[in-house]
Amino acid sequence: MTENHIETGSCLCGKIKYEFNRKDVISAGHCHCKDCQKITGSGKATIVFVHTKKLKINDDYKVYSVVGHDGTNVHRGFCPECGSPVISYVTEQPNLRFIKAGSLDNSSWIEIESSFWSVSACKWDPINNSIPSFEKNPT
């Protein structure tokens, strides 16, 4: 994922737009925590980790904040018009943003490098055993 290419994305209605350079992606993974299951309505959230300062996003999104299962302060950004989840971040990691992979205009280049919160993975959406997985958040 180190190619120098501008990636773009948006919410379903297009109100929230963002862009980043592919070379600024740290990694991509699947989160199987219960909160991600609830926010996606699926068995996991697929997220792309990007440096905060390298992400350009309009700030028209609304934020819903919770204390995560591991005690971190999790903030989830979504479109107030269409409800699409677009971005997440945690207070404890201010230099990192989590982009919802499904909100990318083109996600064909993403390579999933790990899964986390395998302890709460659904049987109907199991962990991919061909990549590293962590019971909870990686340390």
C-alpha atoms as a PDB file:
ATOM      1  CA  MET A   1       0.000   0.000   0.000  1.00  0.00           C
ATOM      2  CA  THR A   2       2.914   2.368  -0.497  1.00  0.00           C
ATOM      3  CA  GLU A   3       2.045   3.568  -3.986  1.00  0.00           C
ATOM      4  CA  ASN A   4       1.904   7.353  -4.479  1.00  0.00           C
ATOM      5  CA  HIS A   5      -1.725   7.838  -5.529  1.00  0.00           C
ATOM      6  CA  ILE A   6      -4.525  10.106  -4.288  1.00  0.00           C
ATOM      7  CA  GLU A   7      -7.455   8.111  -2.946  1.00  0.00           C
ATOM      8  CA  THR A   8     -10.895   9.652  -2.538  1.00  0.00           C
ATOM      9  CA  GLY A   9     -14.066   8.668  -0.774  1.00  0.00           C
ATOM     10  CA  SER A  10     -17.381   9.904   0.491  1.00  0.00           C
ATOM     11  CA  CYS A  11     -20.571   9.049   2.285  1.00  0.00           C
ATOM     12  CA  LEU A  12     -23.505   7.657   0.308  1.00  0.00           C
ATOM     13  CA  CYS A  13     -25.050  11.062  -0.470  1.00  0.00           C
ATOM     14  CA  GLY A  14     -21.709  12.783  -1.144  1.00  0.00           C
ATOM     15  CA  LYS A  15     -21.933  15.439   1.589  1.00  0.00           C
ATOM     16  CA  ILE A  16     -18.840  14.089   3.374  1.00  0.00           C
ATOM     17  CA  LYS A  17     -15.788  13.863   1.109  1.00  0.00           C
ATOM     18  CA  TYR A  18     -12.186  13.012   1.874  1.00  0.00           C
ATOM     19  CA  GLU A  19      -8.859  12.283   0.240  1.00  0.00           C
ATOM     20  CA  PHE A  20      -5.422  11.009   1.178  1.00  0.00           C
ATOM     21  CA  ASN A  21      -2.308   9.781  -0.556  1.00  0.00           C
ATOM     22  CA  ARG A  22      -2.068   6.006  -0.685  1.00  0.00           C
ATOM     23  CA  LYS A  23       1.569   6.227   0.469  1.00  0.00           C
ATOM     24  CA  ASP A  24       0.306   7.663   3.787  1.00  0.00           C
ATOM     25  CA  VAL A  25      -1.711   4.557   4.630  1.00  0.00           C
ATOM     26  CA  ILE A  26      -0.322   2.704   7.630  1.00  0.00           C
ATOM     27  CA  SER A  27      -2.300  -0.523   7.184  1.00  0.00           C
ATOM     28  CA  ALA A  28      -5.783  -1.947   6.773  1.00  0.00           C
ATOM     29  CA  GLY A  29      -7.654  -4.446   8.890  1.00  0.00           C
ATOM     30  CA  HIS A  30     -10.883  -5.985  10.044  1.00  0.00           C
ATOM     31  CA  CYS A  31     -12.279  -5.060  13.455  1.00  0.00           C
ATOM     32  CA  HIS A  32     -14.679  -7.601  14.923  1.00  0.00           C
ATOM     33  CA  CYS A  33     -15.520  -5.726  18.142  1.00  0.00           C
ATOM     34  CA  LYS A  34     -19.200  -5.521  19.134  1.00  0.00           C
ATOM     35  CA  ASP A  35     -19.262  -1.736  18.591  1.00  0.00           C
ATOM     36  CA  CYS A  36     -18.019  -2.118  14.988  1.00  0.00           C
ATOM     37  CA  GLN A  37     -20.578  -4.854  14.423  1.00  0.00           C
ATOM     38  CA  LYS A  38     -23.342  -2.531  15.620  1.00  0.00           C
ATOM     39  CA  ILE A  39     -22.138   0.501  13.644  1.00  0.00           C
ATOM     40  CA  THR A  40     -21.829  -1.474  10.391  1.00  0.00           C
ATOM     41  CA  GLY A  41     -24.755  -3.845  10.857  1.00  0.00           C
ATOM     42  CA  SER A  42     -22.308  -6.565   9.839  1.00  0.00           C
ATOM     43  CA  GLY A  43     -19.802  -8.940  11.407  1.00  0.00           C
ATOM     44  CA  LYS A  44     -16.923  -6.474  11.223  1.00  0.00           C
ATOM     45  CA  ALA A  45     -15.705  -3.082  10.106  1.00  0.00           C
ATOM     46  CA  THR A  46     -12.988  -2.968   7.481  1.00  0.00           C
ATOM     47  CA  ILE A  47     -10.831   0.060   8.149  1.00  0.00           C
ATOM     48  CA  VAL A  48      -7.861   1.825   6.601  1.00  0.00           C
ATOM     49  CA  PHE A  49      -5.430   3.498   9.007  1.00  0.00           C
ATOM     50  CA  VAL A  50      -4.221   6.926   7.841  1.00  0.00           C
ATOM     51  CA  HIS A  51      -2.083   9.582   9.537  1.00  0.00           C
ATOM     52  CA  THR A  52      -4.368  12.367  10.802  1.00  0.00           C
ATOM     53  CA  LYS A  53      -2.375  15.189   9.221  1.00  0.00           C
ATOM     54  CA  LYS A  54      -2.330  13.415   5.844  1.00  0.00           C
ATOM     55  CA  LEU A  55      -6.119  13.090   5.605  1.00  0.00           C
ATOM     56  CA  LYS A  56      -8.171  15.876   4.042  1.00  0.00           C
ATOM     57  CA  ILE A  57     -11.828  15.632   5.036  1.00  0.00           C
ATOM     58  CA  ASN A  58     -14.595  18.177   5.215  1.00  0.00           C
ATOM     59  CA  ASP A  59     -15.850  18.454   8.773  1.00  0.00           C
ATOM     60  CA  ASP A  60     -19.562  18.311   8.028  1.00  0.00           C
ATOM     61  CA  TYR A  61     -19.803  14.914   9.695  1.00  0.00           C
ATOM     62  CA  LYS A  62     -21.509  14.307  13.000  1.00  0.00           C
ATOM     63  CA  VAL A  63     -19.656  12.421  15.752  1.00  0.00           C
ATOM     64  CA  TYR A  64     -20.942   9.772  18.131  1.00  0.00           C
ATOM     65  CA  SER A  65     -18.522   9.050  21.003  1.00  0.00           C
ATOM     66  CA  VAL A  66     -18.310   6.074  23.357  1.00  0.00           C
ATOM     67  CA  VAL A  67     -15.840   4.438  25.689  1.00  0.00           C
ATOM     68  CA  GLY A  68     -14.713   1.296  23.868  1.00  0.00           C
ATOM     69  CA  HIS A  69     -14.408  -2.157  25.396  1.00  0.00           C
ATOM     70  CA  ASP A  70     -10.705  -1.578  26.040  1.00  0.00           C
ATOM     71  CA  GLY A  71     -11.323   1.783  27.761  1.00  0.00           C
ATOM     72  CA  THR A  72     -10.349   4.060  24.855  1.00  0.00           C
ATOM     73  CA  ASN A  73     -12.476   7.060  23.897  1.00  0.00           C
ATOM     74  CA  VAL A  74     -13.804   6.173  20.446  1.00  0.00           C
ATOM     75  CA  HIS A  75     -15.311   8.804  18.139  1.00  0.00           C
ATOM     76  CA  ARG A  76     -17.245   7.705  15.046  1.00  0.00           C
ATOM     77  CA  GLY A  77     -17.937  10.201  12.286  1.00  0.00           C
ATOM     78  CA  PHE A  78     -20.971   9.752  10.085  1.00  0.00           C
ATOM     79  CA  CYS A  79     -22.991  11.817   7.632  1.00  0.00           C
ATOM     80  CA  PRO A  80     -25.903  13.644   9.273  1.00  0.00           C
ATOM     81  CA  GLU A  81     -27.858  13.407   5.991  1.00  0.00           C
ATOM     82  CA  CYS A  82     -27.533   9.769   4.880  1.00  0.00           C
ATOM     83  CA  GLY A  83     -26.106   8.198   8.065  1.00  0.00           C
ATOM     84  CA  SER A  84     -23.107   6.590   6.368  1.00  0.00           C
ATOM     85  CA  PRO A  85     -20.196   5.815   8.708  1.00  0.00           C
ATOM     86  CA  VAL A  86     -17.024   7.330   7.238  1.00  0.00           C
ATOM     87  CA  ILE A  87     -14.321   7.883   9.856  1.00  0.00           C
ATOM     88  CA  SER A  88     -13.354   6.881  13.387  1.00  0.00           C
ATOM     89  CA  TYR A  89     -10.603   7.909  15.762  1.00  0.00           C
ATOM     90  CA  VAL A  90      -9.622   7.501  19.390  1.00  0.00           C
ATOM     91  CA  THR A  91      -8.580  10.267  21.748  1.00  0.00           C
ATOM     92  CA  GLU A  92      -5.592   8.232  22.884  1.00  0.00           C
ATOM     93  CA  GLN A  93      -4.153   8.063  19.335  1.00  0.00           C
ATOM     94  CA  PRO A  94      -4.513  11.627  18.008  1.00  0.00           C
ATOM     95  CA  ASN A  95      -2.217  11.014  15.016  1.00  0.00           C
ATOM     96  CA  LEU A  96      -4.348   8.224  13.572  1.00  0.00           C
ATOM     97  CA  ARG A  97      -7.661   8.122  11.694  1.00  0.00           C
ATOM     98  CA  PHE A  98      -9.661   5.051  10.690  1.00  0.00           C
ATOM     99  CA  ILE A  99     -11.393   5.350   7.316  1.00  0.00           C
ATOM    100  CA  LYS A 100     -14.249   2.937   6.635  1.00  0.00           C
ATOM    101  CA  ALA A 101     -13.018   1.016   3.582  1.00  0.00           C
ATOM    102  CA  GLY A 102     -16.494   0.788   2.089  1.00  0.00           C
ATOM    103  CA  SER A 103     -16.629   4.586   1.815  1.00  0.00           C
ATOM    104  CA  LEU A 104     -13.670   4.691  -0.596  1.00  0.00           C
ATOM    105  CA  ASP A 105     -14.481   5.427  -4.234  1.00  0.00           C
ATOM    106  CA  ASN A 106     -12.071   2.645  -5.215  1.00  0.00           C
ATOM    107  CA  SER A 107     -11.069   0.083  -2.604  1.00  0.00           C
ATOM    108  CA  SER A 108      -9.581  -2.514  -4.979  1.00  0.00           C
ATOM    109  CA  TRP A 109      -6.006  -1.724  -3.863  1.00  0.00           C
ATOM    110  CA  ILE A 110      -6.561  -2.453  -0.155  1.00  0.00           C
ATOM    111  CA  GLU A 111      -4.681  -5.380   1.350  1.00  0.00           C
ATOM    112  CA  ILE A 112      -6.006  -6.520   4.711  1.00  0.00           C
ATOM    113  CA  GLU A 113      -3.057  -7.093   7.027  1.00  0.00           C
ATOM    114  CA  SER A 114      -4.738  -8.182  10.271  1.00  0.00           C
ATOM    115  CA  SER A 115      -7.922  -8.790  12.214  1.00  0.00           C
ATOM    116  CA  PHE A 116      -8.546  -7.667  15.754  1.00  0.00           C
ATOM    117  CA  TRP A 117     -11.129  -8.364  18.434  1.00  0.00           C
ATOM    118  CA  SER A 118     -11.268 -11.993  17.295  1.00  0.00           C
ATOM    119  CA  VAL A 119     -12.689 -12.781  20.733  1.00  0.00           C
ATOM    120  CA  SER A 120     -16.020 -11.289  19.629  1.00  0.00           C
ATOM    121  CA  ALA A 121     -16.051 -12.412  15.976  1.00  0.00           C
ATOM    122  CA  CYS A 122     -19.373 -13.848  14.802  1.00  0.00           C
ATOM    123  CA  LYS A 123     -19.478 -17.490  13.735  1.00  0.00           C
ATOM    124  CA  TRP A 124     -21.278 -16.390  10.568  1.00  0.00           C
ATOM    125  CA  ASP A 125     -18.436 -13.944   9.727  1.00  0.00           C
ATOM    126  CA  PRO A 126     -15.321 -15.767  10.955  1.00  0.00           C
ATOM    127  CA  ILE A 127     -11.756 -14.538  11.282  1.00  0.00           C
ATOM    128  CA  ASN A 128      -9.582 -14.995   8.195  1.00  0.00           C
ATOM    129  CA  ASN A 129      -6.934 -17.419   9.454  1.00  0.00           C
ATOM    130  CA  SER A 130      -4.518 -16.554   6.619  1.00  0.00           C
ATOM    131  CA  ILE A 131      -3.662 -13.181   8.236  1.00  0.00           C
ATOM    132  CA  PRO A 132      -2.528 -12.311  11.771  1.00  0.00           C
ATOM    133  CA  SER A 133      -5.338 -11.842  14.275  1.00  0.00           C
ATOM    134  CA  PHE A 134      -5.466 -10.444  17.779  1.00  0.00           C
ATOM    135  CA  GLU A 135      -7.958 -11.316  20.535  1.00  0.00           C
ATOM    136  CA  LYS A 136      -8.444  -7.612  21.225  1.00  0.00           C
ATOM    137  CA  ASN A 137      -6.614  -4.502  19.988  1.00  0.00           C
ATOM    138  CA  PRO A 138      -3.012  -5.082  18.910  1.00  0.00           C
ATOM    139  CA  THR A 139      -0.449  -3.764  21.353  1.00  0.00           C
END
